Each structure stands twice: as C-alpha cells, then as structure tokens.
Amino acid sequence: MSNTIWLALGLVLVFEGLGPLLAPRGWREMVSQLSQQDDNTLRRIGGCLVVAGSVIAYMMYTSM
C-alpha cells in the first residue's frame, strides 16, 4: 500500500511539473488568471478536481 501511495505522489509531481517545464509562459499566464478568480470559483475548480481524481482512483482500484 505504501508503495502505491508513493507512486501516485510521484506521478502527480511529474504531471504538475510538465506545465512549467514545457510552456512556462502559458503556465504563468494560467496561474495569473487563476489568482484573480474569486474564492467560490476556486472552490468549484478544486472540488471538480477532487471528484475527478477520486473517480479515476476508484476506477483504477476496482480494475486491479
């Protein structure tokens, strides 16, 4: 179980790092636009990401 969590964390870091690595200017613009959003919009975005990640994790867990 511990190895799976570390693998998942490593993959998250890889995907998070791809944006600034491949398109730093676009990534900076996206972060700038996100920082100008109100709290409710950011909460909705975060909630959608949590739900999507949970669904993907559940689907991968049940297919094993």
PDB file of N, CA and C in Angstrom:
ATOM      1  N   MET A   1       0.816  -1.198   0.000  1.00  0.00           N
ATOM      2  CA  MET A   1       0.000   0.000   0.000  1.00  0.00           C
ATOM      3  C   MET A   1       0.859   1.261   0.000  1.00  0.00           C
ATOM      4  N   SER A   2       1.903   1.263   0.798  1.00  0.00           N
ATOM      5  CA  SER A   2       2.769   2.429   0.890  1.00  0.00           C
ATOM      6  C   SER A   2       3.429   2.732  -0.454  1.00  0.00           C
ATOM      7  N   ASN A   3       3.860   1.685  -1.154  1.00  0.00           N
ATOM      8  CA  ASN A   3       4.494   1.896  -2.460  1.00  0.00           C
ATOM      9  C   ASN A   3       3.524   2.524  -3.452  1.00  0.00           C
ATOM     10  N   THR A   4       2.255   2.148  -3.381  1.00  0.00           N
ATOM     11  CA  THR A   4       1.253   2.696  -4.280  1.00  0.00           C
ATOM     12  C   THR A   4       1.057   4.185  -4.036  1.00  0.00           C
ATOM     13  N   ILE A   5       1.036   4.577  -2.780  1.00  0.00           N
ATOM     14  CA  ILE A   5       0.876   5.995  -2.452  1.00  0.00           C
ATOM     15  C   ILE A   5       2.064   6.801  -2.955  1.00  0.00           C
ATOM     16  N   TRP A   6       3.278   6.270  -2.768  1.00  0.00           N
ATOM     17  CA  TRP A   6       4.462   6.974  -3.253  1.00  0.00           C
ATOM     18  C   TRP A   6       4.474   7.056  -4.777  1.00  0.00           C
ATOM     19  N   LEU A   7       4.030   6.000  -5.434  1.00  0.00           N
ATOM     20  CA  LEU A   7       3.937   6.015  -6.892  1.00  0.00           C
ATOM     21  C   LEU A   7       2.939   7.077  -7.345  1.00  0.00           C
ATOM     22  N   ALA A   8       1.789   7.137  -6.691  1.00  0.00           N
ATOM     23  CA  ALA A   8       0.779   8.136  -7.038  1.00  0.00           C
ATOM     24  C   ALA A   8       1.309   9.548  -6.821  1.00  0.00           C
ATOM     25  N   LEU A   9       1.985   9.771  -5.713  1.00  0.00           N
ATOM     26  CA  LEU A   9       2.552  11.085  -5.432  1.00  0.00           C
ATOM     27  C   LEU A   9       3.598  11.457  -6.481  1.00  0.00           C
ATOM     28  N   GLY A  10       4.428  10.504  -6.849  1.00  0.00           N
ATOM     29  CA  GLY A  10       5.435  10.754  -7.881  1.00  0.00           C
ATOM     30  C   GLY A  10       4.803  11.119  -9.214  1.00  0.00           C
ATOM     31  N   LEU A  11       3.747  10.426  -9.589  1.00  0.00           N
ATOM     32  CA  LEU A  11       3.059  10.736 -10.852  1.00  0.00           C
ATOM     33  C   LEU A  11       2.401  12.111 -10.811  1.00  0.00           C
ATOM     34  N   VAL A  12       1.838  12.479  -9.677  1.00  0.00           N
ATOM     35  CA  VAL A  12       1.248  13.812  -9.535  1.00  0.00           C
ATOM     36  C   VAL A  12       2.323  14.875  -9.737  1.00  0.00           C
ATOM     37  N   LEU A  13       3.480  14.682  -9.123  1.00  0.00           N
ATOM     38  CA  LEU A  13       4.566  15.656  -9.274  1.00  0.00           C
ATOM     39  C   LEU A  13       5.050  15.748 -10.712  1.00  0.00           C
ATOM     40  N   VAL A  14       5.116  14.613 -11.402  1.00  0.00           N
ATOM     41  CA  VAL A  14       5.527  14.624 -12.810  1.00  0.00           C
ATOM     42  C   VAL A  14       4.538  15.437 -13.631  1.00  0.00           C
ATOM     43  N   PHE A  15       3.239  15.146 -13.475  1.00  0.00           N
ATOM     44  CA  PHE A  15       2.234  15.862 -14.263  1.00  0.00           C
ATOM     45  C   PHE A  15       2.166  17.337 -13.899  1.00  0.00           C
ATOM     46  N   GLU A  16       2.323  17.659 -12.621  1.00  0.00           N
ATOM     47  CA  GLU A  16       2.315  19.061 -12.209  1.00  0.00           C
ATOM     48  C   GLU A  16       3.524  19.812 -12.776  1.00  0.00           C
ATOM     49  N   GLY A  17       4.632  19.131 -12.924  1.00  0.00           N
ATOM     50  CA  GLY A  17       5.840  19.779 -13.425  1.00  0.00           C
ATOM     51  C   GLY A  17       5.878  19.942 -14.935  1.00  0.00           C
ATOM     52  N   LEU A  18       5.027  19.218 -15.653  1.00  0.00           N
ATOM     53  CA  LEU A  18       5.045  19.305 -17.112  1.00  0.00           C
ATOM     54  C   LEU A  18       4.659  20.692 -17.624  1.00  0.00           C
ATOM     55  N   GLY A  19       3.706  21.339 -16.981  1.00  0.00           N
ATOM     56  CA  GLY A  19       3.270  22.671 -17.422  1.00  0.00           C
ATOM     57  C   GLY A  19       4.393  23.684 -17.425  1.00  0.00           C
ATOM     58  N   PRO A  20       5.021  23.937 -16.268  1.00  0.00           N
ATOM     59  CA  PRO A  20       6.113  24.918 -16.265  1.00  0.00           C
ATOM     60  C   PRO A  20       7.337  24.473 -17.064  1.00  0.00           C
ATOM     61  N   LEU A  21       7.534  23.161 -17.228  1.00  0.00           N
ATOM     62  CA  LEU A  21       8.678  22.678 -17.987  1.00  0.00           C
ATOM     63  C   LEU A  21       8.502  22.930 -19.485  1.00  0.00           C
ATOM     64  N   LEU A  22       7.314  22.609 -20.003  1.00  0.00           N
ATOM     65  CA  LEU A  22       7.095  22.668 -21.446  1.00  0.00           C
ATOM     66  C   LEU A  22       6.582  24.020 -21.938  1.00  0.00           C
ATOM     67  N   ALA A  23       5.806  24.722 -21.125  1.00  0.00           N
ATOM     68  CA  ALA A  23       5.227  26.002 -21.557  1.00  0.00           C
ATOM     69  C   ALA A  23       5.218  26.986 -20.386  1.00  0.00           C
ATOM     70  N   PRO A  24       6.383  27.487 -19.996  1.00  0.00           N
ATOM     71  CA  PRO A  24       6.432  28.343 -18.806  1.00  0.00           C
ATOM     72  C   PRO A  24       5.611  29.625 -18.942  1.00  0.00           C
ATOM     73  N   ARG A  25       5.602  30.223 -20.129  1.00  0.00           N
ATOM     74  CA  ARG A  25       4.859  31.470 -20.312  1.00  0.00           C
ATOM     75  C   ARG A  25       3.350  31.231 -20.177  1.00  0.00           C
ATOM     76  N   GLY A  26       2.854  30.186 -20.829  1.00  0.00           N
ATOM     77  CA  GLY A  26       1.437  29.856 -20.738  1.00  0.00           C
ATOM     78  C   GLY A  26       1.039  29.439 -19.338  1.00  0.00           C
ATOM     79  N   TRP A  27       1.916  28.700 -18.667  1.00  0.00           N
ATOM     80  CA  TRP A  27       1.645  28.270 -17.304  1.00  0.00           C
ATOM     81  C   TRP A  27       1.550  29.477 -16.373  1.00  0.00           C
ATOM     82  N   ARG A  28       2.469  30.437 -16.542  1.00  0.00           N
ATOM     83  CA  ARG A  28       2.471  31.654 -15.715  1.00  0.00           C
ATOM     84  C   ARG A  28       1.187  32.450 -15.943  1.00  0.00           C
ATOM     85  N   GLU A  29       0.745  32.539 -17.200  1.00  0.00           N
ATOM     86  CA  GLU A  29      -0.493  33.260 -17.522  1.00  0.00           C
ATOM     87  C   GLU A  29      -1.697  32.570 -16.883  1.00  0.00           C
ATOM     88  N   MET A  30      -1.729  31.244 -16.934  1.00  0.00           N
ATOM     89  CA  MET A  30      -2.831  30.498 -16.329  1.00  0.00           C
ATOM     90  C   MET A  30      -2.876  30.729 -14.814  1.00  0.00           C
ATOM     91  N   VAL A  31      -1.723  30.689 -14.161  1.00  0.00           N
ATOM     92  CA  VAL A  31      -1.667  30.909 -12.713  1.00  0.00           C
ATOM     93  C   VAL A  31      -2.098  32.333 -12.382  1.00  0.00           C
ATOM     94  N   SER A  32      -1.706  33.281 -13.224  1.00  0.00           N
ATOM     95  CA  SER A  32      -2.111  34.671 -13.017  1.00  0.00           C
ATOM     96  C   SER A  32      -3.621  34.823 -13.120  1.00  0.00           C
ATOM     97  N   GLN A  33      -4.222  34.174 -14.109  1.00  0.00           N
ATOM     98  CA  GLN A  33      -5.671  34.249 -14.268  1.00  0.00           C
ATOM     99  C   GLN A  33      -6.389  33.558 -13.110  1.00  0.00           C
ATOM    100  N   LEU A  34      -5.857  32.432 -12.657  1.00  0.00           N
ATOM    101  CA  LEU A  34      -6.464  31.738 -11.515  1.00  0.00           C
ATOM    102  C   LEU A  34      -6.405  32.580 -10.249  1.00  0.00           C
ATOM    103  N   SER A  35      -5.319  33.316 -10.064  1.00  0.00           N
ATOM    104  CA  SER A  35      -5.177  34.115  -8.845  1.00  0.00           C
ATOM    105  C   SER A  35      -6.160  35.276  -8.801  1.00  0.00           C
ATOM    106  N   GLN A  36      -6.733  35.628  -9.942  1.00  0.00           N
ATOM    107  CA  GLN A  36      -7.700  36.720  -9.992  1.00  0.00           C
ATOM    108  C   GLN A  36      -9.139  36.245  -9.801  1.00  0.00           C
ATOM    109  N   GLN A  37      -9.352  34.941  -9.705  1.00  0.00           N
ATOM    110  CA  GLN A  37     -10.703  34.394  -9.529  1.00  0.00           C
ATOM    111  C   GLN A  37     -11.145  34.554  -8.078  1.00  0.00           C
ATOM    112  N   ASP A  38     -12.462  34.642  -7.889  1.00  0.00           N
ATOM    113  CA  ASP A  38     -12.967  34.741  -6.522  1.00  0.00           C
ATOM    114  C   ASP A  38     -12.910  33.368  -5.849  1.00  0.00           C
ATOM    115  N   ASP A  39     -13.092  33.370  -4.531  1.00  0.00           N
ATOM    116  CA  ASP A  39     -12.945  32.147  -3.742  1.00  0.00           C
ATOM    117  C   ASP A  39     -13.918  31.051  -4.162  1.00  0.00           C
ATOM    118  N   ASN A  40     -15.156  31.403  -4.446  1.00  0.00           N
ATOM    119  CA  ASN A  40     -16.139  30.381  -4.816  1.00  0.00           C
ATOM    120  C   ASN A  40     -15.762  29.675  -6.110  1.00  0.00           C
ATOM    121  N   THR A  41     -15.249  30.407  -7.079  1.00  0.00           N
ATOM    122  CA  THR A  41     -14.825  29.797  -8.337  1.00  0.00           C
ATOM    123  C   THR A  41     -13.671  28.836  -8.102  1.00  0.00           C
ATOM    124  N   LEU A  42     -12.708  29.243  -7.286  1.00  0.00           N
ATOM    125  CA  LEU A  42     -11.578  28.369  -6.982  1.00  0.00           C
ATOM    126  C   LEU A  42     -12.031  27.125  -6.227  1.00  0.00           C
ATOM    127  N   ARG A  43     -13.016  27.278  -5.342  1.00  0.00           N
ATOM    128  CA  ARG A  43     -13.537  26.111  -4.619  1.00  0.00           C
ATOM    129  C   ARG A  43     -14.212  25.145  -5.588  1.00  0.00           C
ATOM    130  N   ARG A  44     -14.952  25.668  -6.545  1.00  0.00           N
ATOM    131  CA  ARG A  44     -15.607  24.806  -7.537  1.00  0.00           C
ATOM    132  C   ARG A  44     -14.565  24.064  -8.369  1.00  0.00           C
ATOM    133  N   ILE A  45     -13.533  24.762  -8.796  1.00  0.00           N
ATOM    134  CA  ILE A  45     -12.463  24.125  -9.575  1.00  0.00           C
ATOM    135  C   ILE A  45     -11.803  23.035  -8.735  1.00  0.00           C
ATOM    136  N   GLY A  46     -11.473  23.362  -7.492  1.00  0.00           N
ATOM    137  CA  GLY A  46     -10.856  22.376  -6.607  1.00  0.00           C
ATOM    138  C   GLY A  46     -11.763  21.184  -6.355  1.00  0.00           C
ATOM    139  N   GLY A  47     -13.040  21.435  -6.167  1.00  0.00           N
ATOM    140  CA  GLY A  47     -13.994  20.356  -5.957  1.00  0.00           C
ATOM    141  C   GLY A  47     -14.095  19.437  -7.166  1.00  0.00           C
ATOM    142  N   CYS A  48     -14.123  20.030  -8.346  1.00  0.00           N
ATOM    143  CA  CYS A  48     -14.164  19.225  -9.578  1.00  0.00           C
ATOM    144  C   CYS A  48     -12.918  18.362  -9.712  1.00  0.00           C
ATOM    145  N   LEU A  49     -11.758  18.922  -9.378  1.00  0.00           N
ATOM    146  CA  LEU A  49     -10.518  18.157  -9.455  1.00  0.00           C
ATOM    147  C   LEU A  49     -10.512  17.007  -8.450  1.00  0.00           C
ATOM    148  N   VAL A  50     -11.021  17.255  -7.254  1.00  0.00           N
ATOM    149  CA  VAL A  50     -11.082  16.203  -6.241  1.00  0.00           C
ATOM    150  C   VAL A  50     -12.014  15.088  -6.689  1.00  0.00           C
ATOM    151  N   VAL A  51     -13.179  15.445  -7.215  1.00  0.00           N
ATOM    152  CA  VAL A  51     -14.134  14.433  -7.677  1.00  0.00           C
ATOM    153  C   VAL A  51     -13.547  13.638  -8.832  1.00  0.00           C
ATOM    154  N   ALA A  52     -12.948  14.336  -9.810  1.00  0.00           N
ATOM    155  CA  ALA A  52     -12.361  13.641 -10.960  1.00  0.00           C
ATOM    156  C   ALA A  52     -11.238  12.704 -10.514  1.00  0.00           C
ATOM    157  N   GLY A  53     -10.386  13.164  -9.626  1.00  0.00           N
ATOM    158  CA  GLY A  53      -9.310  12.316  -9.121  1.00  0.00           C
ATOM    159  C   GLY A  53      -9.820  11.129  -8.345  1.00  0.00           C
ATOM    160  N   SER A  54     -10.873  11.330  -7.562  1.00  0.00           N
ATOM    161  CA  SER A  54     -11.457  10.224  -6.801  1.00  0.00           C
ATOM    162  C   SER A  54     -12.071   9.181  -7.718  1.00  0.00           C
ATOM    163  N   VAL A  55     -12.759   9.626  -8.758  1.00  0.00           N
ATOM    164  CA  VAL A  55     -13.368   8.694  -9.705  1.00  0.00           C
ATOM    165  C   VAL A  55     -12.294   7.890 -10.427  1.00  0.00           C
ATOM    166  N   ILE A  56     -11.240   8.556 -10.880  1.00  0.00           N
ATOM    167  CA  ILE A  56     -10.148   7.860 -11.563  1.00  0.00           C
ATOM    168  C   ILE A  56      -9.491   6.855 -10.627  1.00  0.00           C
ATOM    169  N   ALA A  57      -9.210   7.282  -9.380  1.00  0.00           N
ATOM    170  CA  ALA A  57      -8.587   6.377  -8.415  1.00  0.00           C
ATOM    171  C   ALA A  57      -9.478   5.176  -8.141  1.00  0.00           C
ATOM    172  N   TYR A  58     -10.776   5.397  -8.006  1.00  0.00           N
ATOM    173  CA  TYR A  58     -11.705   4.295  -7.750  1.00  0.00           C
ATOM    174  C   TYR A  58     -11.750   3.337  -8.937  1.00  0.00           C
ATOM    175  N   MET A  59     -11.792   3.891 -10.139  1.00  0.00           N
ATOM    176  CA  MET A  59     -11.824   3.047 -11.330  1.00  0.00           C
ATOM    177  C   MET A  59     -10.556   2.210 -11.440  1.00  0.00           C
ATOM    178  N   MET A  60      -9.415   2.809 -11.147  1.00  0.00           N
ATOM    179  CA  MET A  60      -8.151   2.066 -11.221  1.00  0.00           C
ATOM    180  C   MET A  60      -8.079   1.016 -10.124  1.00  0.00           C
ATOM    181  N   TYR A  61      -8.598   1.341  -8.943  1.00  0.00           N
ATOM    182  CA  TYR A  61      -8.563   0.389  -7.828  1.00  0.00           C
ATOM    183  C   TYR A  61      -9.443  -0.817  -8.116  1.00  0.00           C
ATOM    184  N   THR A  62     -10.631  -0.592  -8.679  1.00  0.00           N
ATOM    185  CA  THR A  62     -11.545  -1.700  -8.935  1.00  0.00           C
ATOM    186  C   THR A  62     -11.100  -2.549 -10.122  1.00  0.00           C
ATOM    187  N   SER A  63     -10.280  -2.004 -11.018  1.00  0.00           N
ATOM    188  CA  SER A  63      -9.831  -2.788 -12.170  1.00  0.00           C
ATOM    189  C   SER A  63      -8.626  -3.664 -11.836  1.00  0.00           C
ATOM    190  N   MET A  64      -8.046  -3.494 -10.655  1.00  0.00           N
ATOM    191  CA  MET A  64      -6.866  -4.279 -10.283  1.00  0.00           C
ATOM    192  C   MET A  64      -7.265  -5.645  -9.812  1.00  0.00           C
TER     193      MET A  64
END
